PDB file of all heavy atoms in Angstrom:
ATOM      1  N   ALA A   1       1.439 -10.515 -10.647  1.00  0.00           N
ATOM      2  CA  ALA A   1       0.862 -11.561  -9.801  1.00  0.00           C
ATOM      3  C   ALA A   1       0.409 -10.990  -8.466  1.00  0.00           C
ATOM      4  O   ALA A   1      -0.593 -11.432  -7.891  1.00  0.00           O
ATOM      5  CB  ALA A   1       1.880 -12.679  -9.583  1.00  0.00           C
ATOM      6  N   LEU A   2       1.149 -10.001  -7.947  1.00  0.00           N
ATOM      7  CA  LEU A   2       0.784  -9.382  -6.670  1.00  0.00           C
ATOM      8  C   LEU A   2      -0.422  -8.461  -6.811  1.00  0.00           C
ATOM      9  O   LEU A   2      -1.062  -8.124  -5.810  1.00  0.00           O
ATOM     10  CB  LEU A   2       1.982  -8.603  -6.122  1.00  0.00           C
ATOM     11  CG  LEU A   2       3.224  -9.430  -5.778  1.00  0.00           C
ATOM     12  CD1 LEU A   2       4.402  -8.516  -5.440  1.00  0.00           C
ATOM     13  CD2 LEU A   2       2.944 -10.380  -4.617  1.00  0.00           C
ATOM     14  N   LEU A   3      -0.728  -8.043  -8.045  1.00  0.00           N
ATOM     15  CA  LEU A   3      -1.857  -7.148  -8.293  1.00  0.00           C
ATOM     16  C   LEU A   3      -3.034  -7.862  -8.947  1.00  0.00           C
ATOM     17  O   LEU A   3      -4.008  -7.216  -9.351  1.00  0.00           O
ATOM     18  CB  LEU A   3      -1.408  -5.976  -9.186  1.00  0.00           C
ATOM     19  CG  LEU A   3      -0.316  -5.066  -8.599  1.00  0.00           C
ATOM     20  CD1 LEU A   3       0.090  -4.010  -9.610  1.00  0.00           C
ATOM     21  CD2 LEU A   3      -0.768  -4.430  -7.296  1.00  0.00           C
ATOM     22  N   ASP A   4      -2.963  -9.179  -9.042  1.00  0.00           N
ATOM     23  CA  ASP A   4      -4.049  -9.952  -9.634  1.00  0.00           C
ATOM     24  C   ASP A   4      -5.323  -9.783  -8.809  1.00  0.00           C
ATOM     25  O   ASP A   4      -5.308  -9.923  -7.578  1.00  0.00           O
ATOM     26  CB  ASP A   4      -3.662 -11.432  -9.675  1.00  0.00           C
ATOM     27  CG  ASP A   4      -4.782 -12.295 -10.222  1.00  0.00           C
ATOM     28  OD1 ASP A   4      -4.966 -12.317 -11.435  1.00  0.00           O
ATOM     29  OD2 ASP A   4      -5.490 -12.922  -9.395  1.00  0.00           O
ATOM     30  N   PRO A   5      -6.458  -9.453  -9.429  1.00  0.00           N
ATOM     31  CA  PRO A   5      -7.694  -9.219  -8.673  1.00  0.00           C
ATOM     32  C   PRO A   5      -8.101 -10.386  -7.788  1.00  0.00           C
ATOM     33  O   PRO A   5      -8.570 -10.188  -6.656  1.00  0.00           O
ATOM     34  CB  PRO A   5      -8.735  -8.965  -9.769  1.00  0.00           C
ATOM     35  CG  PRO A   5      -7.945  -8.450 -10.926  1.00  0.00           C
ATOM     36  CD  PRO A   5      -6.633  -9.174 -10.875  1.00  0.00           C
ATOM     37  N   GLY A   6      -7.938 -11.597  -8.269  1.00  0.00           N
ATOM     38  CA  GLY A   6      -8.288 -12.756  -7.450  1.00  0.00           C
ATOM     39  C   GLY A   6      -7.409 -12.876  -6.224  1.00  0.00           C
ATOM     40  O   GLY A   6      -7.894 -13.194  -5.121  1.00  0.00           O
ATOM     41  N   TYR A   7      -6.121 -12.611  -6.412  1.00  0.00           N
ATOM     42  CA  TYR A   7      -5.203 -12.661  -5.277  1.00  0.00           C
ATOM     43  C   TYR A   7      -5.560 -11.584  -4.259  1.00  0.00           C
ATOM     44  O   TYR A   7      -5.583 -11.845  -3.039  1.00  0.00           O
ATOM     45  CB  TYR A   7      -3.766 -12.471  -5.766  1.00  0.00           C
ATOM     46  CG  TYR A   7      -2.748 -12.391  -4.652  1.00  0.00           C
ATOM     47  CD1 TYR A   7      -2.387 -13.519  -3.930  1.00  0.00           C
ATOM     48  CD2 TYR A   7      -2.168 -11.176  -4.300  1.00  0.00           C
ATOM     49  CE1 TYR A   7      -1.463 -13.455  -2.898  1.00  0.00           C
ATOM     50  CE2 TYR A   7      -1.245 -11.094  -3.272  1.00  0.00           C
ATOM     51  CZ  TYR A   7      -0.898 -12.237  -2.576  1.00  0.00           C
ATOM     52  OH  TYR A   7       0.015 -12.156  -1.544  1.00  0.00           O
ATOM     53  N   LEU A   8      -5.849 -10.372  -4.721  1.00  0.00           N
ATOM     54  CA  LEU A   8      -6.181  -9.277  -3.811  1.00  0.00           C
ATOM     55  C   LEU A   8      -7.483  -9.554  -3.064  1.00  0.00           C
ATOM     56  O   LEU A   8      -7.601  -9.241  -1.864  1.00  0.00           O
ATOM     57  CB  LEU A   8      -6.277  -7.963  -4.584  1.00  0.00           C
ATOM     58  CG  LEU A   8      -4.963  -7.482  -5.215  1.00  0.00           C
ATOM     59  CD1 LEU A   8      -5.210  -6.285  -6.121  1.00  0.00           C
ATOM     60  CD2 LEU A   8      -3.936  -7.138  -4.152  1.00  0.00           C
ATOM     61  N   ALA A   9      -8.457 -10.154  -3.745  1.00  0.00           N
ATOM     62  CA  ALA A   9      -9.705 -10.509  -3.073  1.00  0.00           C
ATOM     63  C   ALA A   9      -9.462 -11.542  -1.985  1.00  0.00           C
ATOM     64  O   ALA A   9     -10.054 -11.469  -0.895  1.00  0.00           O
ATOM     65  CB  ALA A   9     -10.711 -11.040  -4.092  1.00  0.00           C
ATOM     66  N   ALA A  10      -8.578 -12.489  -2.267  1.00  0.00           N
ATOM     67  CA  ALA A  10      -8.259 -13.508  -1.259  1.00  0.00           C
ATOM     68  C   ALA A  10      -7.549 -12.893  -0.058  1.00  0.00           C
ATOM     69  O   ALA A  10      -7.809 -13.279   1.097  1.00  0.00           O
ATOM     70  CB  ALA A  10      -7.400 -14.604  -1.891  1.00  0.00           C
ATOM     71  N   ARG A  11      -6.665 -11.950  -0.326  1.00  0.00           N
ATOM     72  CA  ARG A  11      -5.979 -11.260   0.781  1.00  0.00           C
ATOM     73  C   ARG A  11      -6.982 -10.462   1.611  1.00  0.00           C
ATOM     74  O   ARG A  11      -6.916 -10.432   2.843  1.00  0.00           O
ATOM     75  CB  ARG A  11      -4.880 -10.347   0.237  1.00  0.00           C
ATOM     76  CG  ARG A  11      -3.736 -11.059  -0.450  1.00  0.00           C
ATOM     77  CD  ARG A  11      -2.935 -11.885   0.511  1.00  0.00           C
ATOM     78  NE  ARG A  11      -1.789 -11.142   1.044  1.00  0.00           N
ATOM     79  CZ  ARG A  11      -1.040 -11.575   2.057  1.00  0.00           C
ATOM     80  NH1 ARG A  11      -1.344 -12.701   2.678  1.00  0.00           N
ATOM     81  NH2 ARG A  11      -0.011 -10.868   2.473  1.00  0.00           N
ATOM     82  N   ALA A  12      -7.930  -9.796   0.946  1.00  0.00           N
ATOM     83  CA  ALA A  12      -8.937  -9.012   1.667  1.00  0.00           C
ATOM     84  C   ALA A  12      -9.777  -9.906   2.566  1.00  0.00           C
ATOM     85  O   ALA A  12     -10.189  -9.497   3.664  1.00  0.00           O
ATOM     86  CB  ALA A  12      -9.831  -8.272   0.674  1.00  0.00           C
ATOM     87  N   ALA A  13     -10.026 -11.129   2.118  1.00  0.00           N
ATOM     88  CA  ALA A  13     -10.860 -12.053   2.897  1.00  0.00           C
ATOM     89  C   ALA A  13     -10.196 -12.488   4.196  1.00  0.00           C
ATOM     90  O   ALA A  13     -10.869 -12.990   5.100  1.00  0.00           O
ATOM     91  CB  ALA A  13     -11.203 -13.275   2.056  1.00  0.00           C
ATOM     92  N   THR A  14      -8.895 -12.276   4.318  1.00  0.00           N
ATOM     93  CA  THR A  14      -8.197 -12.672   5.550  1.00  0.00           C
ATOM     94  C   THR A  14      -8.307 -11.626   6.651  1.00  0.00           C
ATOM     95  O   THR A  14      -7.929 -11.890   7.796  1.00  0.00           O
ATOM     96  CB  THR A  14      -6.704 -12.934   5.279  1.00  0.00           C
ATOM     97  OG1 THR A  14      -6.052 -11.695   4.944  1.00  0.00           O
ATOM     98  CG2 THR A  14      -6.514 -13.925   4.137  1.00  0.00           C
ATOM     99  N   ILE A  15      -8.825 -10.432   6.338  1.00  0.00           N
ATOM    100  CA  ILE A  15      -8.907  -9.368   7.347  1.00  0.00           C
ATOM    101  C   ILE A  15     -10.040  -9.674   8.331  1.00  0.00           C
ATOM    102  O   ILE A  15     -11.187  -9.853   7.940  1.00  0.00           O
ATOM    103  CB  ILE A  15      -9.138  -7.991   6.687  1.00  0.00           C
ATOM    104  CG1 ILE A  15      -7.932  -7.598   5.826  1.00  0.00           C
ATOM    105  CG2 ILE A  15      -9.388  -6.921   7.750  1.00  0.00           C
ATOM    106  CD1 ILE A  15      -8.113  -6.290   5.079  1.00  0.00           C
ATOM    107  N   ASP A  16      -9.691  -9.728   9.595  1.00  0.00           N
ATOM    108  CA  ASP A  16     -10.679  -9.908  10.669  1.00  0.00           C
ATOM    109  C   ASP A  16     -11.182  -8.529  11.081  1.00  0.00           C
ATOM    110  O   ASP A  16     -10.410  -7.679  11.527  1.00  0.00           O
ATOM    111  CB  ASP A  16     -10.014 -10.632  11.846  1.00  0.00           C
ATOM    112  CG  ASP A  16     -10.993 -10.977  12.960  1.00  0.00           C
ATOM    113  OD1 ASP A  16     -12.063 -10.349  13.045  1.00  0.00           O
ATOM    114  OD2 ASP A  16     -10.662 -11.870  13.761  1.00  0.00           O
ATOM    115  N   ARG A  17     -12.463  -8.273  10.913  1.00  0.00           N
ATOM    116  CA  ARG A  17     -13.022  -6.958  11.248  1.00  0.00           C
ATOM    117  C   ARG A  17     -13.009  -6.686  12.750  1.00  0.00           C
ATOM    118  O   ARG A  17     -13.151  -5.541  13.173  1.00  0.00           O
ATOM    119  CB  ARG A  17     -14.457  -6.855  10.752  1.00  0.00           C
ATOM    120  CG  ARG A  17     -14.704  -6.337   9.331  1.00  0.00           C
ATOM    121  CD  ARG A  17     -13.821  -6.870   8.307  1.00  0.00           C
ATOM    122  NE  ARG A  17     -14.271  -6.464   6.947  1.00  0.00           N
ATOM    123  CZ  ARG A  17     -13.786  -7.004   5.860  1.00  0.00           C
ATOM    124  NH1 ARG A  17     -12.859  -7.952   5.932  1.00  0.00           N
ATOM    125  NH2 ARG A  17     -14.206  -6.602   4.660  1.00  0.00           N
ATOM    126  N   GLN A  18     -12.832  -7.727  13.557  1.00  0.00           N
ATOM    127  CA  GLN A  18     -12.950  -7.574  15.010  1.00  0.00           C
ATOM    128  C   GLN A  18     -11.612  -7.644  15.734  1.00  0.00           C
ATOM    129  O   GLN A  18     -11.575  -7.513  16.956  1.00  0.00           O
ATOM    130  CB  GLN A  18     -13.870  -8.671  15.570  1.00  0.00           C
ATOM    131  CG  GLN A  18     -15.252  -8.694  14.946  1.00  0.00           C
ATOM    132  CD  GLN A  18     -15.978  -7.364  15.086  1.00  0.00           C
ATOM    133  OE1 GLN A  18     -15.935  -6.734  16.149  1.00  0.00           O
ATOM    134  NE2 GLN A  18     -16.629  -6.928  14.011  1.00  0.00           N
ATOM    135  N   ALA A  19     -10.503  -7.860  15.009  1.00  0.00           N
ATOM    136  CA  ALA A  19      -9.225  -8.009  15.712  1.00  0.00           C
ATOM    137  C   ALA A  19      -8.065  -7.650  14.796  1.00  0.00           C
ATOM    138  O   ALA A  19      -8.090  -7.928  13.587  1.00  0.00           O
ATOM    139  CB  ALA A  19      -9.067  -9.447  16.221  1.00  0.00           C
ATOM    140  N   ALA A  20      -7.035  -7.038  15.379  1.00  0.00           N
ATOM    141  CA  ALA A  20      -5.805  -6.725  14.654  1.00  0.00           C
ATOM    142  C   ALA A  20      -5.053  -8.003  14.351  1.00  0.00           C
ATOM    143  O   ALA A  20      -4.983  -8.916  15.173  1.00  0.00           O
ATOM    144  CB  ALA A  20      -4.931  -5.783  15.487  1.00  0.00           C
ATOM    145  N   GLY A  21      -4.479  -8.069  13.141  1.00  0.00           N
ATOM    146  CA  GLY A  21      -3.719  -9.236  12.745  1.00  0.00           C
ATOM    147  C   GLY A  21      -2.228  -8.986  12.765  1.00  0.00           C
ATOM    148  O   GLY A  21      -1.764  -7.865  12.976  1.00  0.00           O
ATOM    149  N   ASP A  22      -1.456 -10.062  12.551  1.00  0.00           N
ATOM    150  CA  ASP A  22      -0.003  -9.971  12.501  1.00  0.00           C
ATOM    151  C   ASP A  22       0.495 -10.875  11.384  1.00  0.00           C
ATOM    152  O   ASP A  22       0.854 -12.028  11.620  1.00  0.00           O
ATOM    153  CB  ASP A  22       0.610 -10.383  13.843  1.00  0.00           C
ATOM    154  CG  ASP A  22       2.139 -10.291  13.823  1.00  0.00           C
ATOM    155  OD1 ASP A  22       2.681  -9.753  12.838  1.00  0.00           O
ATOM    156  OD2 ASP A  22       2.771 -10.765  14.783  1.00  0.00           O
ATOM    157  N   PRO A  23       0.509 -10.363  10.134  1.00  0.00           N
ATOM    158  CA  PRO A  23       0.947 -11.200   9.021  1.00  0.00           C
ATOM    159  C   PRO A  23       2.448 -11.441   8.994  1.00  0.00           C
ATOM    160  O   PRO A  23       2.933 -12.282   8.262  1.00  0.00           O
ATOM    161  CB  PRO A  23       0.490 -10.408   7.792  1.00  0.00           C
ATOM    162  CG  PRO A  23       0.494  -8.997   8.248  1.00  0.00           C
ATOM    163  CD  PRO A  23       0.073  -9.033   9.696  1.00  0.00           C
ATOM    164  N   GLY A  24       3.203 -10.670   9.792  1.00  0.00           N
ATOM    165  CA  GLY A  24       4.637 -10.859   9.878  1.00  0.00           C
ATOM    166  C   GLY A  24       5.389 -10.154   8.768  1.00  0.00           C
ATOM    167  O   GLY A  24       5.216 -10.439   7.597  1.00  0.00           O
ATOM    168  N   TYR A  25       6.219  -9.216   9.115  1.00  0.00           N
ATOM    169  CA  TYR A  25       7.089  -8.545   8.153  1.00  0.00           C
ATOM    170  C   TYR A  25       8.155  -7.791   8.931  1.00  0.00           C
ATOM    171  O   TYR A  25       8.033  -7.527  10.129  1.00  0.00           O
ATOM    172  CB  TYR A  25       6.308  -7.569   7.266  1.00  0.00           C
ATOM    173  CG  TYR A  25       5.460  -6.582   8.036  1.00  0.00           C
ATOM    174  CD1 TYR A  25       5.992  -5.380   8.457  1.00  0.00           C
ATOM    175  CD2 TYR A  25       4.148  -6.889   8.373  1.00  0.00           C
ATOM    176  CE1 TYR A  25       5.223  -4.486   9.183  1.00  0.00           C
ATOM    177  CE2 TYR A  25       3.369  -6.000   9.092  1.00  0.00           C
ATOM    178  CZ  TYR A  25       3.913  -4.803   9.488  1.00  0.00           C
ATOM    179  OH  TYR A  25       3.156  -3.928  10.209  1.00  0.00           O
ATOM    180  N   GLY A  26       9.227  -7.443   8.232  1.00  0.00           N
ATOM    181  CA  GLY A  26      10.294  -6.697   8.877  1.00  0.00           C
ATOM    182  C   GLY A  26       9.930  -5.233   9.020  1.00  0.00           C
ATOM    183  O   GLY A  26       8.904  -4.781   8.539  1.00  0.00           O
ATOM    184  N   VAL A  27      10.781  -4.498   9.693  1.00  0.00           N
ATOM    185  CA  VAL A  27      10.545  -3.069   9.917  1.00  0.00           C
ATOM    186  C   VAL A  27      11.647  -2.273   9.227  1.00  0.00           C
ATOM    187  O   VAL A  27      12.800  -2.330   9.655  1.00  0.00           O
ATOM    188  CB  VAL A  27      10.524  -2.738  11.425  1.00  0.00           C
ATOM    189  CG1 VAL A  27      10.267  -1.251  11.625  1.00  0.00           C
ATOM    190  CG2 VAL A  27       9.473  -3.565  12.134  1.00  0.00           C
ATOM    191  N   PRO A  28      11.344  -1.555   8.135  1.00  0.00           N
ATOM    192  CA  PRO A  28      12.358  -0.754   7.467  1.00  0.00           C
ATOM    193  C   PRO A  28      12.812   0.403   8.348  1.00  0.00           C
ATOM    194  O   PRO A  28      12.112   0.826   9.266  1.00  0.00           O
ATOM    195  CB  PRO A  28      11.648  -0.236   6.212  1.00  0.00           C
ATOM    196  CG  PRO A  28      10.332  -0.901   6.167  1.00  0.00           C
ATOM    197  CD  PRO A  28      10.035  -1.452   7.517  1.00  0.00           C
ATOM    198  N   ARG A  29      13.993   0.930   8.022  1.00  0.00           N
ATOM    199  CA  ARG A  29      14.499   2.094   8.746  1.00  0.00           C
ATOM    200  C   ARG A  29      13.702   3.341   8.372  1.00  0.00           C
ATOM    201  O   ARG A  29      13.115   3.408   7.303  1.00  0.00           O
ATOM    202  CB  ARG A  29      15.971   2.325   8.406  1.00  0.00           C
ATOM    203  CG  ARG A  29      16.894   1.184   8.816  1.00  0.00           C
ATOM    204  CD  ARG A  29      18.328   1.551   8.449  1.00  0.00           C
ATOM    205  NE  ARG A  29      19.271   0.530   8.862  1.00  0.00           N
ATOM    206  CZ  ARG A  29      19.706  -0.442   8.066  1.00  0.00           C
ATOM    207  NH1 ARG A  29      19.266  -0.510   6.825  1.00  0.00           N
ATOM    208  NH2 ARG A  29      20.572  -1.336   8.502  1.00  0.00           N
ATOM    209  N   PRO A  30      13.711   4.363   9.253  1.00  0.00           N
ATOM    210  CA  PRO A  30      13.099   5.639   8.872  1.00  0.00           C
ATOM    211  C   PRO A  30      13.901   6.279   7.753  1.00  0.00           C
ATOM    212  O   PRO A  30      14.993   5.823   7.419  1.00  0.00           O
ATOM    213  CB  PRO A  30      13.167   6.458  10.169  1.00  0.00           C
ATOM    214  CG  PRO A  30      14.309   5.868  10.916  1.00  0.00           C
ATOM    215  CD  PRO A  30      14.299   4.404  10.607  1.00  0.00           C
ATOM    216  N   GLY A  31      13.380   7.353   7.168  1.00  0.00           N
ATOM    217  CA  GLY A  31      14.086   7.979   6.060  1.00  0.00           C
ATOM    218  C   GLY A  31      13.870   9.470   5.993  1.00  0.00           C
ATOM    219  O   GLY A  31      13.092  10.040   6.750  1.00  0.00           O
ATOM    220  N   GLY A  32      14.597  10.116   5.068  1.00  0.00           N
ATOM    221  CA  GLY A  32      14.438  11.535   4.816  1.00  0.00           C
ATOM    222  C   GLY A  32      14.359  11.760   3.321  1.00  0.00           C
ATOM    223  O   GLY A  32      15.178  11.255   2.566  1.00  0.00           O
ATOM    224  N   THR A  33      13.392  12.543   2.869  1.00  0.00           N
ATOM    225  CA  THR A  33      13.094  12.648   1.446  1.00  0.00           C
ATOM    226  C   THR A  33      12.451  13.997   1.164  1.00  0.00           C
ATOM    227  O   THR A  33      11.904  14.625   2.063  1.00  0.00           O
ATOM    228  CB  THR A  33      12.109  11.517   1.039  1.00  0.00           C
ATOM    229  OG1 THR A  33      12.676  10.262   1.362  1.00  0.00           O
ATOM    230  CG2 THR A  33      11.783  11.543  -0.440  1.00  0.00           C
ATOM    231  N   VAL A  34      12.520  14.437  -0.104  1.00  0.00           N
ATOM    232  CA  VAL A  34      11.769  15.616  -0.529  1.00  0.00           C
ATOM    233  C   VAL A  34      10.896  15.240  -1.714  1.00  0.00           C
ATOM    234  O   VAL A  34      11.234  14.361  -2.507  1.00  0.00           O
ATOM    235  CB  VAL A  34      12.689  16.794  -0.902  1.00  0.00           C
ATOM    236  CG1 VAL A  34      13.475  17.258   0.306  1.00  0.00           C
ATOM    237  CG2 VAL A  34      13.633  16.423  -2.046  1.00  0.00           C
ATOM    238  N   TYR A  35       9.740  15.914  -1.829  1.00  0.00           N
ATOM    239  CA  TYR A  35       8.792  15.616  -2.891  1.00  0.00           C
ATOM    240  C   TYR A  35       8.314  16.931  -3.506  1.00  0.00           C
ATOM    241  O   TYR A  35       8.156  17.941  -2.806  1.00  0.00           O
ATOM    242  CB  TYR A  35       7.592  14.835  -2.333  1.00  0.00           C
ATOM    243  CG  TYR A  35       6.498  14.632  -3.358  1.00  0.00           C
ATOM    244  CD1 TYR A  35       6.595  13.602  -4.291  1.00  0.00           C
ATOM    245  CD2 TYR A  35       5.406  15.479  -3.426  1.00  0.00           C
ATOM    246  CE1 TYR A  35       5.627  13.429  -5.266  1.00  0.00           C
ATOM    247  CE2 TYR A  35       4.429  15.319  -4.393  1.00  0.00           C
ATOM    248  CZ  TYR A  35       4.541  14.291  -5.310  1.00  0.00           C
ATOM    249  OH  TYR A  35       3.591  14.138  -6.271  1.00  0.00           O
ATOM    250  N   VAL A  36       8.092  16.894  -4.833  1.00  0.00           N
ATOM    251  CA  VAL A  36       7.601  18.058  -5.569  1.00  0.00           C
ATOM    252  C   VAL A  36       6.460  17.612  -6.470  1.00  0.00           C
ATOM    253  O   VAL A  36       6.573  16.587  -7.152  1.00  0.00           O
ATOM    254  CB  VAL A  36       8.694  18.676  -6.467  1.00  0.00           C
ATOM    255  CG1 VAL A  36       8.150  19.920  -7.174  1.00  0.00           C
ATOM    256  CG2 VAL A  36       9.944  19.018  -5.674  1.00  0.00           C
ATOM    257  N   THR A  37       5.380  18.369  -6.473  1.00  0.00           N
ATOM    258  CA  THR A  37       4.372  18.210  -7.516  1.00  0.00           C
ATOM    259  C   THR A  37       4.195  19.549  -8.214  1.00  0.00           C
ATOM    260  O   THR A  37       4.258  20.609  -7.577  1.00  0.00           O
ATOM    261  CB  THR A  37       3.027  17.696  -6.972  1.00  0.00           C
ATOM    262  OG1 THR A  37       2.122  17.546  -8.072  1.00  0.00           O
ATOM    263  CG2 THR A  37       2.420  18.637  -5.953  1.00  0.00           C
ATOM    264  N   ALA A  38       4.019  19.489  -9.530  1.00  0.00           N
ATOM    265  CA  ALA A  38       3.798  20.704 -10.314  1.00  0.00           C
ATOM    266  C   ALA A  38       2.808  20.395 -11.428  1.00  0.00           C
ATOM    267  O   ALA A  38       2.765  19.270 -11.946  1.00  0.00           O
ATOM    268  CB  ALA A  38       5.112  21.216 -10.912  1.00  0.00           C
ATOM    269  N   ALA A  39       2.005  21.378 -11.784  1.00  0.00           N
ATOM    270  CA  ALA A  39       1.025  21.209 -12.855  1.00  0.00           C
ATOM    271  C   ALA A  39       0.864  22.543 -13.572  1.00  0.00           C
ATOM    272  O   ALA A  39       0.940  23.605 -12.943  1.00  0.00           O
ATOM    273  CB  ALA A  39      -0.319  20.746 -12.281  1.00  0.00           C
ATOM    274  N   ASP A  40       0.661  22.481 -14.898  1.00  0.00           N
ATOM    275  CA  ASP A  40       0.556  23.729 -15.662  1.00  0.00           C
ATOM    276  C   ASP A  40      -0.746  23.812 -16.441  1.00  0.00           C
ATOM    277  O   ASP A  40      -1.510  22.839 -16.535  1.00  0.00           O
ATOM    278  CB  ASP A  40       1.773  23.925 -16.581  1.00  0.00           C
ATOM    279  CG  ASP A  40       1.909  22.852 -17.663  1.00  0.00           C
ATOM    280  OD1 ASP A  40       0.888  22.385 -18.179  1.00  0.00           O
ATOM    281  OD2 ASP A  40       3.067  22.497 -17.986  1.00  0.00           O
ATOM    282  N   ALA A  41      -0.984  24.970 -16.988  1.00  0.00           N
ATOM    283  CA  ALA A  41      -2.253  25.256 -17.658  1.00  0.00           C
ATOM    284  C   ALA A  41      -2.445  24.453 -18.939  1.00  0.00           C
ATOM    285  O   ALA A  41      -3.570  24.361 -19.448  1.00  0.00           O
ATOM    286  CB  ALA A  41      -2.342  26.758 -17.965  1.00  0.00           C
ATOM    287  N   GLN A  42      -1.380  23.863 -19.468  1.00  0.00           N
ATOM    288  CA  GLN A  42      -1.479  23.041 -20.668  1.00  0.00           C
ATOM    289  C   GLN A  42      -1.806  21.579 -20.347  1.00  0.00           C
ATOM    290  O   GLN A  42      -1.864  20.737 -21.247  1.00  0.00           O
ATOM    291  CB  GLN A  42      -0.173  23.103 -21.470  1.00  0.00           C
ATOM    292  CG  GLN A  42       0.056  24.441 -22.174  1.00  0.00           C
ATOM    293  CD  GLN A  42       0.362  25.562 -21.192  1.00  0.00           C
ATOM    294  OE1 GLN A  42       1.195  25.388 -20.296  1.00  0.00           O
ATOM    295  NE2 GLN A  42      -0.311  26.693 -21.363  1.00  0.00           N
ATOM    296  N   GLY A  43      -2.002  21.254 -19.072  1.00  0.00           N
ATOM    297  CA  GLY A  43      -2.416  19.908 -18.699  1.00  0.00           C
ATOM    298  C   GLY A  43      -1.305  18.973 -18.275  1.00  0.00           C
ATOM    299  O   GLY A  43      -1.557  17.798 -17.999  1.00  0.00           O
ATOM    300  N   ARG A  44      -0.079  19.456 -18.196  1.00  0.00           N
ATOM    301  CA  ARG A  44       1.018  18.604 -17.730  1.00  0.00           C
ATOM    302  C   ARG A  44       0.992  18.531 -16.205  1.00  0.00           C
ATOM    303  O   ARG A  44       0.779  19.546 -15.541  1.00  0.00           O
ATOM    304  CB  ARG A  44       2.368  19.136 -18.189  1.00  0.00           C
ATOM    305  CG  ARG A  44       2.524  19.290 -19.693  1.00  0.00           C
ATOM    306  CD  ARG A  44       3.880  19.885 -20.033  1.00  0.00           C
ATOM    307  NE  ARG A  44       3.932  20.350 -21.411  1.00  0.00           N
ATOM    308  CZ  ARG A  44       3.592  21.561 -21.815  1.00  0.00           C
ATOM    309  NH1 ARG A  44       3.141  22.455 -20.933  1.00  0.00           N
ATOM    310  NH2 ARG A  44       3.669  21.909 -23.085  1.00  0.00           N
TER     311      ARG A  44
END
């Protein structure tokens, strides 16, 4: 439902090109993480 094209189009229509908005949401804590990407010659 959150990825429905009609819903996303409606959300996009709320963006004001001339002013920053405030839809309201909380602020998560910062974090620490590690990430790895790997790819091989066989296409994995």
